[in-house]
Amino acid sequence: MGDGSEIRPEVEVRPGVPPSGPGCADCEAQAPPGWWLHLRRCARCGHVGCCDSSPAQHASAHYRATGHRVVQSYEPDEDWFYDYATGDWLEGPQLAPPGSHPAQQGVPGPEGRVPTDWRSRLH
């Protein structure tokens, strides 16, 4: 899916850092817990956040708060990287497993928290 660009050396990517969990860390920490459409994983610290189509947009909020600019899709069968700072799709190294949320988690997810009108709540 990328444009063939390589991750530049000045962008910190830590392939050995595991993901923070199976879902959006920030949605899980909310009271009540939130839901998401798709998940993104920070390539530097492993923070899993929800995509910009999701109601809370936690992955890009993590970038703005930390400066950790490169994410990888955290969806099954997707391995693309994206640089929030430049808007570029990138090629990158294999990150520590798991490479995605559990396939049975579903999209949107997690099951039981997604409102029936979820489509109208997307960005």
Protein backbone atom coordinates (compact mmCIF):
# COMPACT_ATOMS: atom_id res chain seq x y z
CA MET A 1 0.00 0.00 0.00
CA GLY A 2 2.97 2.30 0.51
CA ASP A 3 4.56 4.48 -2.13
CA GLY A 4 7.85 2.65 -1.66
CA SER A 5 9.45 5.25 0.57
CA GLU A 6 11.75 3.89 3.24
CA ILE A 7 11.56 5.04 6.82
CA ARG A 8 14.25 7.69 7.18
CA PRO A 9 16.99 7.12 9.76
CA GLU A 10 16.08 10.27 11.69
CA VAL A 11 12.65 8.77 12.47
CA GLU A 12 12.89 6.63 15.58
CA VAL A 13 11.44 3.17 15.07
CA ARG A 14 11.97 0.50 17.70
CA PRO A 15 11.14 -2.88 16.14
CA GLY A 16 11.58 -4.81 19.40
CA VAL A 17 8.93 -2.88 21.37
CA PRO A 18 5.69 -4.89 21.69
CA PRO A 19 2.28 -3.31 21.20
CA SER A 20 0.51 -1.88 24.25
CA GLY A 21 -2.37 -4.33 23.94
CA PRO A 22 -5.09 -5.73 21.68
CA GLY A 23 -7.11 -2.49 21.49
CA CYS A 24 -6.84 1.28 21.71
CA ALA A 25 -5.06 1.97 24.99
CA ASP A 26 -6.81 5.32 25.41
CA CYS A 27 -10.32 4.04 24.60
CA GLU A 28 -9.77 1.22 27.10
CA ALA A 29 -8.71 3.74 29.78
CA GLN A 30 -11.83 5.90 29.37
CA ALA A 31 -14.79 5.56 31.70
CA PRO A 32 -16.87 4.13 30.20
CA PRO A 33 -14.50 2.44 27.73
CA GLY A 34 -14.74 3.60 24.13
CA TRP A 35 -14.82 1.83 20.77
CA TRP A 36 -12.91 2.19 17.50
CA LEU A 37 -13.03 1.52 13.77
CA HIS A 38 -9.39 0.65 13.00
CA LEU A 39 -6.23 0.52 15.08
CA ARG A 40 -2.75 1.99 14.56
CA ARG A 41 0.44 1.05 16.40
CA CYS A 42 3.19 3.54 17.22
CA ALA A 43 6.42 2.25 15.66
CA ARG A 44 8.48 3.85 18.42
CA CYS A 45 6.77 2.98 21.71
CA GLY A 46 4.12 0.41 20.75
CA HIS A 47 1.14 2.55 21.82
CA VAL A 48 -2.00 1.23 20.13
CA GLY A 49 -4.49 3.96 19.26
CA CYS A 50 -7.64 4.28 17.19
CA CYS A 51 -7.54 5.69 13.65
CA ASP A 52 -8.69 9.13 12.53
CA SER A 53 -12.01 7.71 11.30
CA SER A 54 -12.73 6.54 14.86
CA PRO A 55 -14.66 8.90 17.17
CA ALA A 56 -11.71 9.63 19.50
CA GLN A 57 -8.79 9.62 17.00
CA HIS A 58 -6.29 8.54 19.66
CA ALA A 59 -3.45 7.45 17.33
CA SER A 60 -2.95 10.92 15.85
CA ALA A 61 -3.48 12.47 19.32
CA HIS A 62 -0.57 10.26 20.51
CA TYR A 63 1.58 11.68 17.69
CA ARG A 64 0.69 15.26 18.61
CA ALA A 65 1.39 14.64 22.31
CA THR A 66 4.65 12.72 21.91
CA GLY A 67 6.11 13.53 18.49
CA HIS A 68 6.15 9.78 17.69
CA ARG A 69 5.31 10.26 14.05
CA VAL A 70 5.35 6.79 12.45
CA VAL A 71 2.54 4.28 12.91
CA GLN A 72 1.88 0.88 11.44
CA SER A 73 -1.57 -0.50 10.78
CA TYR A 74 -2.63 -2.81 13.61
CA GLU A 75 -5.21 -4.58 11.46
CA PRO A 76 -4.95 -8.24 10.40
CA ASP A 77 -3.24 -8.71 7.01
CA GLU A 78 -2.01 -5.10 6.84
CA ASP A 79 1.63 -4.10 7.29
CA TRP A 80 1.83 -0.54 5.95
CA PHE A 81 3.46 2.34 7.81
CA TYR A 82 2.42 6.00 7.79
CA ASP A 83 4.32 9.14 8.81
CA TYR A 84 1.99 11.71 10.42
CA ALA A 85 4.56 14.48 10.02
CA THR A 86 4.93 14.15 6.24
CA GLY A 87 1.78 12.30 5.20
CA ASP A 88 3.91 9.65 3.49
CA TRP A 89 3.17 5.93 3.26
CA LEU A 90 6.35 4.05 4.15
CA GLU A 91 8.01 0.65 4.09
CA GLY A 92 9.38 -0.41 7.43
CA PRO A 93 10.82 -3.26 9.45
CA GLN A 94 8.84 -6.09 10.98
CA LEU A 95 7.74 -5.04 14.46
CA ALA A 96 7.57 -7.26 17.55
CA PRO A 97 4.52 -9.55 17.60
CA PRO A 98 1.63 -9.54 17.58
CA GLY A 99 1.29 -7.67 14.31
CA SER A 100 -2.41 -6.93 14.73
CA HIS A 101 -5.33 -7.04 17.09
CA PRO A 102 -6.93 -10.50 17.40
CA ALA A 103 -8.82 -11.32 14.18
CA GLN A 104 -11.90 -12.32 16.16
CA GLN A 105 -12.08 -8.81 17.68
CA GLY A 106 -13.95 -7.51 14.65
CA VAL A 107 -14.17 -4.12 12.99
CA PRO A 108 -15.45 -1.89 14.41
CA GLY A 109 -14.69 -3.10 17.88
CA PRO A 110 -14.65 -4.30 20.42
CA GLU A 111 -17.88 -6.26 20.24
CA GLY A 112 -20.40 -5.17 22.84
CA ARG A 113 -19.28 -1.52 22.89
CA VAL A 114 -20.05 -0.46 19.34
CA PRO A 115 -23.28 1.57 19.15
CA THR A 116 -25.88 0.62 16.57
CA ASP A 117 -25.47 4.03 14.88
CA TRP A 118 -21.67 3.70 14.67
CA ARG A 119 -21.47 4.70 11.00
CA SER A 120 -22.91 8.13 11.80
CA ARG A 121 -20.22 8.67 14.46
CA LEU A 122 -17.20 8.18 12.18
CA HIS A 123 -15.00 11.07 11.01
